[in-house]
Amino acid sequence: MINTTEKVLKSIKMFDALDDFQIKYLLKKSKLIHIDKNEVIYNPEEICNNFSVIIKGTISVIKYTPTGKEQILAYYQAPECFGGVHIFNEEKYPAYFISQESSIILEVSKEIIFELFTNKNFLLFFLKDLSKKIVNLSDIIEVLAHTSIKSRVAGYIFKEMEKQKSNTIKLNKSKTFIAKEIGTVREVVSRVFKSLEDQGIIKIESNIKIKILDILALEKEFLK
């Protein structure tokens, strides 16, 4: 009978590329850790020696400014993975990794990951996953490059429209998380949404759904 951890692994393309022997070897050599809500799992003082697979739960990657302001860099949910970029150079974690709820993580050592690279399909999917995360980070940097909070919000909406390939987008994250990603607070995000609606650029259809009425105007706000 396949246990929960093995099921989660097989739901991820890179691990599904492994045969049963490799999966069992990986599980035998890896460690499951249980984390409480709001617990710091990794911090910027630690060297990243493991590739982490979220078996259950949600993890935020957060940086803090000197004044204590939060900046969310990434937001991972089971069955996502992280740590692939940093294990190659024995670098420290780039920020704080904090559980948003009770979570379970499988820690796979870099030595095991390197051994599994003999499986070419696993290596291919591993590199694809790294590429996707680098692109996502690039998008965050692009948004933060804009000094105006309004242009950051417009950029977030514009990117989601492109990603979802629709003029009506679903907000998959709360306004609180969106605010932290773009370096502001929830109330400011709500005011900017209302301002964009008053300008006739968007229509707020519900708490989680926005319709873009004027794409050119939205792009103009993003590029300010």
C-alpha atoms as a PDB file:
ATOM      1  CA  MET A   1       0.000   0.000   0.000  1.00  0.00           C
ATOM      2  CA  ILE A   2       1.370   3.403  -1.022  1.00  0.00           C
ATOM      3  CA  ASN A   3       1.678   5.817   1.905  1.00  0.00           C
ATOM      4  CA  THR A   4       0.754   9.519   1.809  1.00  0.00           C
ATOM      5  CA  THR A   5       4.332  10.759   1.344  1.00  0.00           C
ATOM      6  CA  GLU A   6       4.909   8.462  -1.615  1.00  0.00           C
ATOM      7  CA  LYS A   7       1.590   9.535  -3.185  1.00  0.00           C
ATOM      8  CA  VAL A   8       2.569  13.189  -2.886  1.00  0.00           C
ATOM      9  CA  LEU A   9       5.979  12.506  -4.455  1.00  0.00           C
ATOM     10  CA  LYS A  10       4.410  10.689  -7.382  1.00  0.00           C
ATOM     11  CA  SER A  11       2.078  13.646  -7.963  1.00  0.00           C
ATOM     12  CA  ILE A  12       5.173  15.769  -8.767  1.00  0.00           C
ATOM     13  CA  LYS A  13       6.507  15.232 -12.296  1.00  0.00           C
ATOM     14  CA  MET A  14      10.200  15.085 -11.393  1.00  0.00           C
ATOM     15  CA  PHE A  15       9.646  12.359  -8.781  1.00  0.00           C
ATOM     16  CA  ASP A  16       7.117  10.494 -10.900  1.00  0.00           C
ATOM     17  CA  ALA A  17       9.995  10.056 -13.374  1.00  0.00           C
ATOM     18  CA  LEU A  18      11.752   7.824 -10.814  1.00  0.00           C
ATOM     19  CA  ASP A  19      11.211   4.062 -10.683  1.00  0.00           C
ATOM     20  CA  ASP A  20       9.908   2.299  -7.556  1.00  0.00           C
ATOM     21  CA  PHE A  21      13.400   1.354  -6.377  1.00  0.00           C
ATOM     22  CA  GLN A  22      14.598   4.983  -6.623  1.00  0.00           C
ATOM     23  CA  ILE A  23      11.499   6.264  -4.800  1.00  0.00           C
ATOM     24  CA  LYS A  24      11.985   3.801  -1.940  1.00  0.00           C
ATOM     25  CA  TYR A  25      15.699   4.654  -1.772  1.00  0.00           C
ATOM     26  CA  LEU A  26      14.899   8.361  -1.634  1.00  0.00           C
ATOM     27  CA  LEU A  27      12.334   7.894   1.160  1.00  0.00           C
ATOM     28  CA  LYS A  28      14.701   5.690   3.155  1.00  0.00           C
ATOM     29  CA  LYS A  29      17.493   8.284   2.980  1.00  0.00           C
ATOM     30  CA  SER A  30      15.294  11.361   3.570  1.00  0.00           C
ATOM     31  CA  LYS A  31      13.698  12.885   6.653  1.00  0.00           C
ATOM     32  CA  LEU A  32      10.122  13.965   7.365  1.00  0.00           C
ATOM     33  CA  ILE A  33       9.750  17.005   9.602  1.00  0.00           C
ATOM     34  CA  HIS A  34       6.515  18.266  11.174  1.00  0.00           C
ATOM     35  CA  ILE A  35       6.124  22.023  11.585  1.00  0.00           C
ATOM     36  CA  ASP A  36       3.632  24.016  13.636  1.00  0.00           C
ATOM     37  CA  LYS A  37       1.759  27.044  12.299  1.00  0.00           C
ATOM     38  CA  ASN A  38       3.917  30.230  12.157  1.00  0.00           C
ATOM     39  CA  GLU A  39       7.096  28.254  12.882  1.00  0.00           C
ATOM     40  CA  VAL A  40      10.340  29.372  11.226  1.00  0.00           C
ATOM     41  CA  ILE A  41      11.609  26.333   9.328  1.00  0.00           C
ATOM     42  CA  TYR A  42      14.776  27.831   7.802  1.00  0.00           C
ATOM     43  CA  ASN A  43      16.430  31.212   8.270  1.00  0.00           C
ATOM     44  CA  PRO A  44      19.075  33.314   6.430  1.00  0.00           C
ATOM     45  CA  GLU A  45      21.813  32.140   8.809  1.00  0.00           C
ATOM     46  CA  GLU A  46      21.468  28.491   7.728  1.00  0.00           C
ATOM     47  CA  ILE A  47      23.239  26.794   4.826  1.00  0.00           C
ATOM     48  CA  CYS A  48      20.817  25.110   2.432  1.00  0.00           C
ATOM     49  CA  ASN A  49      21.852  21.453   2.275  1.00  0.00           C
ATOM     50  CA  ASN A  50      18.462  19.953   1.467  1.00  0.00           C
ATOM     51  CA  PHE A  51      15.903  19.953  -1.298  1.00  0.00           C
ATOM     52  CA  SER A  52      12.555  20.345   0.472  1.00  0.00           C
ATOM     53  CA  VAL A  53       9.253  18.839  -0.658  1.00  0.00           C
ATOM     54  CA  ILE A  54       6.056  20.099   0.957  1.00  0.00           C
ATOM     55  CA  ILE A  55       3.979  17.014   1.747  1.00  0.00           C
ATOM     56  CA  LYS A  56       1.292  18.971   3.569  1.00  0.00           C
ATOM     57  CA  GLY A  57       0.683  22.655   4.252  1.00  0.00           C
ATOM     58  CA  THR A  58       1.728  26.089   3.043  1.00  0.00           C
ATOM     59  CA  ILE A  59       5.082  27.879   3.333  1.00  0.00           C
ATOM     60  CA  SER A  60       5.888  31.570   2.857  1.00  0.00           C
ATOM     61  CA  VAL A  61       9.348  32.902   2.005  1.00  0.00           C
ATOM     62  CA  ILE A  62       9.707  36.240   3.773  1.00  0.00           C
ATOM     63  CA  LYS A  63      12.371  38.929   3.982  1.00  0.00           C
ATOM     64  CA  TYR A  64      12.322  41.616   6.653  1.00  0.00           C
ATOM     65  CA  THR A  65      13.439  45.209   6.142  1.00  0.00           C
ATOM     66  CA  PRO A  66      15.564  46.917   8.837  1.00  0.00           C
ATOM     67  CA  THR A  67      12.320  48.430  10.172  1.00  0.00           C
ATOM     68  CA  GLY A  68      10.691  44.995  10.426  1.00  0.00           C
ATOM     69  CA  LYS A  69       8.431  45.292   7.383  1.00  0.00           C
ATOM     70  CA  GLU A  70       7.580  41.981   5.700  1.00  0.00           C
ATOM     71  CA  GLN A  71       8.244  41.321   2.022  1.00  0.00           C
ATOM     72  CA  ILE A  72       6.918  38.028   0.653  1.00  0.00           C
ATOM     73  CA  LEU A  73       9.227  36.592  -2.015  1.00  0.00           C
ATOM     74  CA  ALA A  74       7.384  33.339  -2.624  1.00  0.00           C
ATOM     75  CA  TYR A  75       4.438  31.323  -1.454  1.00  0.00           C
ATOM     76  CA  TYR A  76       4.563  27.514  -1.717  1.00  0.00           C
ATOM     77  CA  GLN A  77       1.803  24.953  -1.159  1.00  0.00           C
ATOM     78  CA  ALA A  78       1.869  21.149  -1.107  1.00  0.00           C
ATOM     79  CA  PRO A  79       3.003  19.438  -3.282  1.00  0.00           C
ATOM     80  CA  GLU A  80       5.580  22.085  -4.286  1.00  0.00           C
ATOM     81  CA  CYS A  81       9.362  21.969  -3.746  1.00  0.00           C
ATOM     82  CA  PHE A  82      12.036  24.518  -2.887  1.00  0.00           C
ATOM     83  CA  GLY A  83      15.775  24.769  -2.215  1.00  0.00           C
ATOM     84  CA  GLY A  84      16.982  23.559  -5.604  1.00  0.00           C
ATOM     85  CA  VAL A  85      18.869  26.723  -6.531  1.00  0.00           C
ATOM     86  CA  HIS A  86      20.848  27.028  -3.309  1.00  0.00           C
ATOM     87  CA  ILE A  87      22.016  23.440  -2.694  1.00  0.00           C
ATOM     88  CA  PHE A  88      24.406  23.611  -5.645  1.00  0.00           C
ATOM     89  CA  ASN A  89      26.586  26.355  -4.153  1.00  0.00           C
ATOM     90  CA  GLU A  90      26.070  25.577  -0.463  1.00  0.00           C
ATOM     91  CA  GLU A  91      24.486  29.002  -0.067  1.00  0.00           C
ATOM     92  CA  LYS A  92      22.504  30.264   2.884  1.00  0.00           C
ATOM     93  CA  TYR A  93      18.731  30.417   2.603  1.00  0.00           C
ATOM     94  CA  PRO A  94      17.746  33.730   0.964  1.00  0.00           C
ATOM     95  CA  ALA A  95      15.078  34.574   3.557  1.00  0.00           C
ATOM     96  CA  TYR A  96      12.900  33.143   6.308  1.00  0.00           C
ATOM     97  CA  PHE A  97      10.796  30.094   5.424  1.00  0.00           C
ATOM     98  CA  ILE A  98       7.725  30.191   7.665  1.00  0.00           C
ATOM     99  CA  SER A  99       4.796  27.763   7.859  1.00  0.00           C
ATOM    100  CA  GLN A 100       1.394  29.360   7.360  1.00  0.00           C
ATOM    101  CA  GLU A 101      -0.314  26.319   8.847  1.00  0.00           C
ATOM    102  CA  SER A 102       0.574  22.961  10.358  1.00  0.00           C
ATOM    103  CA  SER A 103       2.834  21.455   7.690  1.00  0.00           C
ATOM    104  CA  ILE A 104       4.961  18.431   6.809  1.00  0.00           C
ATOM    105  CA  ILE A 105       8.172  18.673   4.780  1.00  0.00           C
ATOM    106  CA  LEU A 106      10.342  15.930   3.322  1.00  0.00           C
ATOM    107  CA  GLU A 107      14.008  16.929   3.429  1.00  0.00           C
ATOM    108  CA  VAL A 108      16.053  15.290   0.658  1.00  0.00           C
ATOM    109  CA  SER A 109      19.811  15.767   0.978  1.00  0.00           C
ATOM    110  CA  LYS A 110      21.741  17.254  -1.924  1.00  0.00           C
ATOM    111  CA  GLU A 111      23.788  14.034  -2.147  1.00  0.00           C
ATOM    112  CA  ILE A 112      20.615  12.029  -2.880  1.00  0.00           C
ATOM    113  CA  ILE A 113      19.441  14.604  -5.419  1.00  0.00           C
ATOM    114  CA  PHE A 114      22.798  14.412  -7.206  1.00  0.00           C
ATOM    115  CA  GLU A 115      22.624  10.601  -7.253  1.00  0.00           C
ATOM    116  CA  LEU A 116      19.150  10.750  -8.825  1.00  0.00           C
ATOM    117  CA  PHE A 117      20.441  12.969 -11.634  1.00  0.00           C
ATOM    118  CA  THR A 118      21.537   9.721 -13.328  1.00  0.00           C
ATOM    119  CA  ASN A 119      17.851   9.482 -14.239  1.00  0.00           C
ATOM    120  CA  LYS A 120      17.708  11.870 -17.199  1.00  0.00           C
ATOM    121  CA  ASN A 121      13.955  12.441 -16.942  1.00  0.00           C
ATOM    122  CA  PHE A 122      14.283  13.376 -13.280  1.00  0.00           C
ATOM    123  CA  LEU A 123      17.105  15.802 -14.155  1.00  0.00           C
ATOM    124  CA  LEU A 124      15.024  17.375 -16.930  1.00  0.00           C
ATOM    125  CA  PHE A 125      12.002  17.981 -14.693  1.00  0.00           C
ATOM    126  CA  PHE A 126      14.272  19.244 -11.898  1.00  0.00           C
ATOM    127  CA  LEU A 127      15.783  21.859 -14.243  1.00  0.00           C
ATOM    128  CA  LYS A 128      12.324  22.845 -15.509  1.00  0.00           C
ATOM    129  CA  ASP A 129      11.222  23.426 -11.916  1.00  0.00           C
ATOM    130  CA  LEU A 130      14.292  25.629 -11.285  1.00  0.00           C
ATOM    131  CA  SER A 131      13.595  27.604 -14.450  1.00  0.00           C
ATOM    132  CA  LYS A 132       9.984  28.223 -13.406  1.00  0.00           C
ATOM    133  CA  LYS A 133      11.046  29.523  -9.988  1.00  0.00           C
ATOM    134  CA  ILE A 134      13.648  31.848 -11.537  1.00  0.00           C
ATOM    135  CA  VAL A 135      10.988  33.292 -13.882  1.00  0.00           C
ATOM    136  CA  ASN A 136       8.613  33.822 -10.937  1.00  0.00           C
ATOM    137  CA  LEU A 137      11.355  35.626  -9.000  1.00  0.00           C
ATOM    138  CA  SER A 138      12.058  37.782 -12.046  1.00  0.00           C
ATOM    139  CA  ASP A 139       8.370  38.783 -12.129  1.00  0.00           C
ATOM    140  CA  ILE A 140       8.502  39.810  -8.447  1.00  0.00           C
ATOM    141  CA  ILE A 141      11.650  41.894  -9.040  1.00  0.00           C
ATOM    142  CA  GLU A 142       9.982  43.582 -12.023  1.00  0.00           C
ATOM    143  CA  VAL A 143       6.953  44.528  -9.906  1.00  0.00           C
ATOM    144  CA  LEU A 144       9.118  45.861  -7.058  1.00  0.00           C
ATOM    145  CA  ALA A 145      11.122  47.986  -9.499  1.00  0.00           C
ATOM    146  CA  HIS A 146       8.119  50.306  -9.744  1.00  0.00           C
ATOM    147  CA  THR A 147       8.133  52.955  -7.023  1.00  0.00           C
ATOM    148  CA  SER A 148       4.406  53.717  -7.189  1.00  0.00           C
ATOM    149  CA  ILE A 149       2.196  51.288  -5.257  1.00  0.00           C
ATOM    150  CA  LYS A 150      -0.506  51.876  -7.869  1.00  0.00           C
ATOM    151  CA  SER A 151       1.829  50.765 -10.663  1.00  0.00           C
ATOM    152  CA  ARG A 152       2.759  47.671  -8.595  1.00  0.00           C
ATOM    153  CA  VAL A 153      -0.898  46.723  -8.153  1.00  0.00           C
ATOM    154  CA  ALA A 154      -1.579  47.379 -11.842  1.00  0.00           C
ATOM    155  CA  GLY A 155       1.433  45.231 -12.699  1.00  0.00           C
ATOM    156  CA  TYR A 156       0.168  42.412 -10.484  1.00  0.00           C
ATOM    157  CA  ILE A 157      -3.250  42.484 -12.193  1.00  0.00           C
ATOM    158  CA  PHE A 158      -1.634  42.721 -15.646  1.00  0.00           C
ATOM    159  CA  LYS A 159       0.626  39.719 -14.965  1.00  0.00           C
ATOM    160  CA  GLU A 160      -2.303  37.655 -13.667  1.00  0.00           C
ATOM    161  CA  MET A 161      -4.297  38.519 -16.797  1.00  0.00           C
ATOM    162  CA  GLU A 162      -1.436  37.252 -18.979  1.00  0.00           C
ATOM    163  CA  LYS A 163      -0.960  34.164 -16.827  1.00  0.00           C
ATOM    164  CA  GLN A 164      -4.659  33.229 -16.704  1.00  0.00           C
ATOM    165  CA  LYS A 165      -5.165  34.206 -20.385  1.00  0.00           C
ATOM    166  CA  SER A 166      -8.412  35.971 -19.570  1.00  0.00           C
ATOM    167  CA  ASN A 167      -9.710  39.511 -19.104  1.00  0.00           C
ATOM    168  CA  THR A 168     -11.521  38.245 -16.019  1.00  0.00           C
ATOM    169  CA  ILE A 169      -9.022  37.076 -13.432  1.00  0.00           C
ATOM    170  CA  LYS A 170      -9.398  35.125 -10.233  1.00  0.00           C
ATOM    171  CA  LEU A 171      -7.395  36.387  -7.267  1.00  0.00           C
ATOM    172  CA  ASN A 172      -5.813  33.189  -5.968  1.00  0.00           C
ATOM    173  CA  LYS A 173      -4.235  35.006  -3.020  1.00  0.00           C
ATOM    174  CA  SER A 174      -5.764  37.221  -0.353  1.00  0.00           C
ATOM    175  CA  LYS A 175      -5.268  40.997  -0.520  1.00  0.00           C
ATOM    176  CA  THR A 176      -3.073  40.674   2.561  1.00  0.00           C
ATOM    177  CA  PHE A 177      -0.666  38.360   0.717  1.00  0.00           C
ATOM    178  CA  ILE A 178      -0.778  40.501  -2.428  1.00  0.00           C
ATOM    179  CA  ALA A 179       0.076  43.525  -0.286  1.00  0.00           C
ATOM    180  CA  LYS A 180       3.056  41.793   1.306  1.00  0.00           C
ATOM    181  CA  GLU A 181       4.318  40.677  -2.109  1.00  0.00           C
ATOM    182  CA  ILE A 182       4.359  44.227  -3.444  1.00  0.00           C
ATOM    183  CA  GLY A 183       5.587  45.853  -0.236  1.00  0.00           C
ATOM    184  CA  THR A 184       2.506  47.553   1.194  1.00  0.00           C
ATOM    185  CA  VAL A 185      -0.542  46.818   3.366  1.00  0.00           C
ATOM    186  CA  ARG A 186      -3.986  45.368   2.632  1.00  0.00           C
ATOM    187  CA  GLU A 187      -5.846  48.663   3.036  1.00  0.00           C
ATOM    188  CA  VAL A 188      -3.673  50.354   0.396  1.00  0.00           C
ATOM    189  CA  VAL A 189      -4.260  47.499  -2.078  1.00  0.00           C
ATOM    190  CA  SER A 190      -8.027  47.804  -1.538  1.00  0.00           C
ATOM    191  CA  ARG A 191      -7.881  51.571  -2.152  1.00  0.00           C
ATOM    192  CA  VAL A 192      -5.878  51.105  -5.351  1.00  0.00           C
ATOM    193  CA  PHE A 193      -8.349  48.490  -6.628  1.00  0.00           C
ATOM    194  CA  LYS A 194     -11.169  50.984  -5.953  1.00  0.00           C
ATOM    195  CA  SER A 195      -9.234  53.775  -7.685  1.00  0.00           C
ATOM    196  CA  LEU A 196      -8.657  51.611 -10.780  1.00  0.00           C
ATOM    197  CA  GLU A 197     -12.370  50.772 -10.770  1.00  0.00           C
ATOM    198  CA  ASP A 198     -13.342  54.459 -10.497  1.00  0.00           C
ATOM    199  CA  GLN A 199     -11.113  55.147 -13.525  1.00  0.00           C
ATOM    200  CA  GLY A 200     -13.038  52.529 -15.495  1.00  0.00           C
ATOM    201  CA  ILE A 201      -9.940  50.362 -15.893  1.00  0.00           C
ATOM    202  CA  ILE A 202     -11.253  47.358 -13.958  1.00  0.00           C
ATOM    203  CA  LYS A 203     -14.535  46.122 -12.523  1.00  0.00           C
ATOM    204  CA  ILE A 204     -14.493  44.367  -9.151  1.00  0.00           C
ATOM    205  CA  GLU A 205     -17.046  41.570  -9.577  1.00  0.00           C
ATOM    206  CA  SER A 206     -16.403  39.905  -6.203  1.00  0.00           C
ATOM    207  CA  ASN A 207     -13.742  39.584  -3.504  1.00  0.00           C
ATOM    208  CA  ILE A 208     -11.858  37.116  -5.693  1.00  0.00           C
ATOM    209  CA  LYS A 209     -12.792  38.144  -9.238  1.00  0.00           C
ATOM    210  CA  ILE A 210     -11.742  41.198 -11.269  1.00  0.00           C
ATOM    211  CA  LYS A 211     -12.634  42.060 -14.861  1.00  0.00           C
ATOM    212  CA  ILE A 212     -10.186  44.181 -16.864  1.00  0.00           C
ATOM    213  CA  LEU A 213     -12.181  46.719 -18.916  1.00  0.00           C
ATOM    214  CA  ASP A 214      -9.329  48.774 -20.403  1.00  0.00           C
ATOM    215  CA  ILE A 215      -6.112  46.801 -21.014  1.00  0.00           C
ATOM    216  CA  LEU A 216      -4.211  49.746 -22.513  1.00  0.00           C
ATOM    217  CA  ALA A 217      -4.991  51.956 -19.523  1.00  0.00           C
ATOM    218  CA  LEU A 218      -3.974  49.185 -17.132  1.00  0.00           C
ATOM    219  CA  GLU A 219      -0.686  48.732 -18.982  1.00  0.00           C
ATOM    220  CA  LYS A 220      -0.123  52.501 -18.865  1.00  0.00           C
ATOM    221  CA  GLU A 221      -0.571  52.497 -15.072  1.00  0.00           C
ATOM    222  CA  PHE A 222       1.842  49.543 -14.818  1.00  0.00           C
ATOM    223  CA  LEU A 223       4.519  51.316 -16.871  1.00  0.00           C
ATOM    224  CA  LYS A 224       4.360  54.604 -14.922  1.00  0.00           C
END
